[in-house]
C-alpha atoms as a PDB file:
ATOM      1  CA  UNK A   1     -57.625  23.149  16.030  1.00  0.00           C
ATOM      2  CA  UNK A   2     -60.800  24.360  16.534  1.00  0.00           C
ATOM      3  CA  UNK A   3     -60.488  27.216  19.014  1.00  0.00           C
ATOM      4  CA  UNK A   4     -58.569  28.744  20.954  1.00  0.00           C
ATOM      5  CA  UNK A   5     -60.089  28.292  24.781  1.00  0.00           C
ATOM      6  CA  UNK A   6     -60.138  31.556  26.511  1.00  0.00           C
ATOM      7  CA  UNK A   7     -61.822  30.395  29.173  1.00  0.00           C
ATOM      8  CA  UNK A   8     -58.639  28.948  30.498  1.00  0.00           C
ATOM      9  CA  UNK A   9     -56.020  30.948  32.367  1.00  0.00           C
ATOM     10  CA  UNK A  10     -53.098  29.756  30.729  1.00  0.00           C
ATOM     11  CA  UNK A  11     -54.897  30.057  26.973  1.00  0.00           C
ATOM     12  CA  UNK A  12     -55.615  26.922  25.688  1.00  0.00           C
ATOM     13  CA  UNK A  13     -55.986  25.511  22.512  1.00  0.00           C
ATOM     14  CA  UNK A  14     -58.534  22.505  21.596  1.00  0.00           C
ATOM     15  CA  UNK A  15     -56.977  20.412  19.186  1.00  0.00           C
ATOM     16  CA  UNK A  16     -59.207  17.395  17.503  1.00  0.00           C
ATOM     17  CA  UNK A  17     -58.703  14.796  15.634  1.00  0.00           C
ATOM     18  CA  UNK A  18     -61.887  14.101  13.366  1.00  0.00           C
ATOM     19  CA  UNK A  19     -62.429  11.264  11.438  1.00  0.00           C
ATOM     20  CA  UNK A  20     -63.655  12.327   7.449  1.00  0.00           C
ATOM     21  CA  UNK A  21     -66.280  11.045   5.441  1.00  0.00           C
ATOM     22  CA  UNK A  22     -63.226  10.395   2.569  1.00  0.00           C
ATOM     23  CA  UNK A  23     -61.923   8.119   4.916  1.00  0.00           C
ATOM     24  CA  UNK A  24     -59.474   5.417   3.090  1.00  0.00           C
ATOM     25  CA  UNK A  25     -58.801   3.936   5.807  1.00  0.00           C
ATOM     26  CA  UNK A  26     -61.319   0.821   6.407  1.00  0.00           C
ATOM     27  CA  UNK A  27     -61.366   0.642  10.585  1.00  0.00           C
ATOM     28  CA  UNK A  28     -61.987   4.874  10.970  1.00  0.00           C
ATOM     29  CA  UNK A  29     -64.646   3.592   8.206  1.00  0.00           C
ATOM     30  CA  UNK A  30     -65.964   1.380   9.990  1.00  0.00           C
ATOM     31  CA  UNK A  31     -65.994   3.764  12.781  1.00  0.00           C
ATOM     32  CA  UNK A  32     -68.273   7.069  10.822  1.00  0.00           C
ATOM     33  CA  UNK A  33     -70.603   4.359  10.461  1.00  0.00           C
ATOM     34  CA  UNK A  34     -70.959   3.374  13.337  1.00  0.00           C
ATOM     35  CA  UNK A  35     -71.114   7.473  14.700  1.00  0.00           C
ATOM     36  CA  UNK A  36     -72.678   8.894  10.909  1.00  0.00           C
ATOM     37  CA  UNK A  37     -71.929  11.937  11.596  1.00  0.00           C
ATOM     38  CA  UNK A  38     -69.744  14.075   9.467  1.00  0.00           C
ATOM     39  CA  UNK A  39     -67.051  14.879  10.985  1.00  0.00           C
ATOM     40  CA  UNK A  40     -66.484  12.288  13.938  1.00  0.00           C
ATOM     41  CA  UNK A  41     -64.312  13.768  16.760  1.00  0.00           C
ATOM     42  CA  UNK A  42     -61.646  10.817  17.510  1.00  0.00           C
ATOM     43  CA  UNK A  43     -59.415  12.841  19.747  1.00  0.00           C
ATOM     44  CA  UNK A  44     -59.395  15.619  22.286  1.00  0.00           C
ATOM     45  CA  UNK A  45     -56.830  17.482  23.932  1.00  0.00           C
ATOM     46  CA  UNK A  46     -56.322  21.469  25.237  1.00  0.00           C
ATOM     47  CA  UNK A  47     -52.938  22.474  24.482  1.00  0.00           C
ATOM     48  CA  UNK A  48     -51.023  26.519  26.562  1.00  0.00           C
ATOM     49  CA  UNK A  49     -50.636  28.384  23.511  1.00  0.00           C
ATOM     50  CA  UNK A  50     -47.677  30.292  25.661  1.00  0.00           C
ATOM     51  CA  UNK A  51     -46.153  26.711  26.068  1.00  0.00           C
ATOM     52  CA  UNK A  52     -43.483  25.201  24.152  1.00  0.00           C
ATOM     53  CA  UNK A  53     -44.933  21.271  23.912  1.00  0.00           C
ATOM     54  CA  UNK A  54     -42.215  19.503  22.007  1.00  0.00           C
ATOM     55  CA  UNK A  55     -44.959  17.103  18.966  1.00  0.00           C
ATOM     56  CA  UNK A  56     -43.874  14.213  21.304  1.00  0.00           C
ATOM     57  CA  UNK A  57     -46.613  15.704  24.023  1.00  0.00           C
ATOM     58  CA  UNK A  58     -48.368  16.652  21.576  1.00  0.00           C
ATOM     59  CA  UNK A  59     -48.886  12.816  20.204  1.00  0.00           C
ATOM     60  CA  UNK A  60     -49.063  11.629  24.265  1.00  0.00           C
ATOM     61  CA  UNK A  61     -52.071  14.935  24.909  1.00  0.00           C
ATOM     62  CA  UNK A  62     -54.888  13.761  22.393  1.00  0.00           C
ATOM     63  CA  UNK A  63     -54.121   9.893  22.749  1.00  0.00           C
ATOM     64  CA  UNK A  64     -55.243  10.140  26.492  1.00  0.00           C
ATOM     65  CA  UNK A  65     -57.652  12.333  25.143  1.00  0.00           C
ATOM     66  CA  UNK A  66     -58.874   9.621  22.499  1.00  0.00           C
ATOM     67  CA  UNK A  67     -62.918   8.583  22.366  1.00  0.00           C
ATOM     68  CA  UNK A  68     -62.985   5.606  20.782  1.00  0.00           C
END
């Protein structure tokens, strides 16, 4: 989680999936080399702070927010 977006109503968690420098997954390593950044964000999702989201719903939101 990066932070809580308080500018939205209701407030939402800003979830981000990033590729770490030490990733051992070859396809992610290749993605990382292309971007050259330290923590490359590959997916984003805004999840309501007070909403009871299931893991499946969070996963679907992250898949919808893929950036690669």
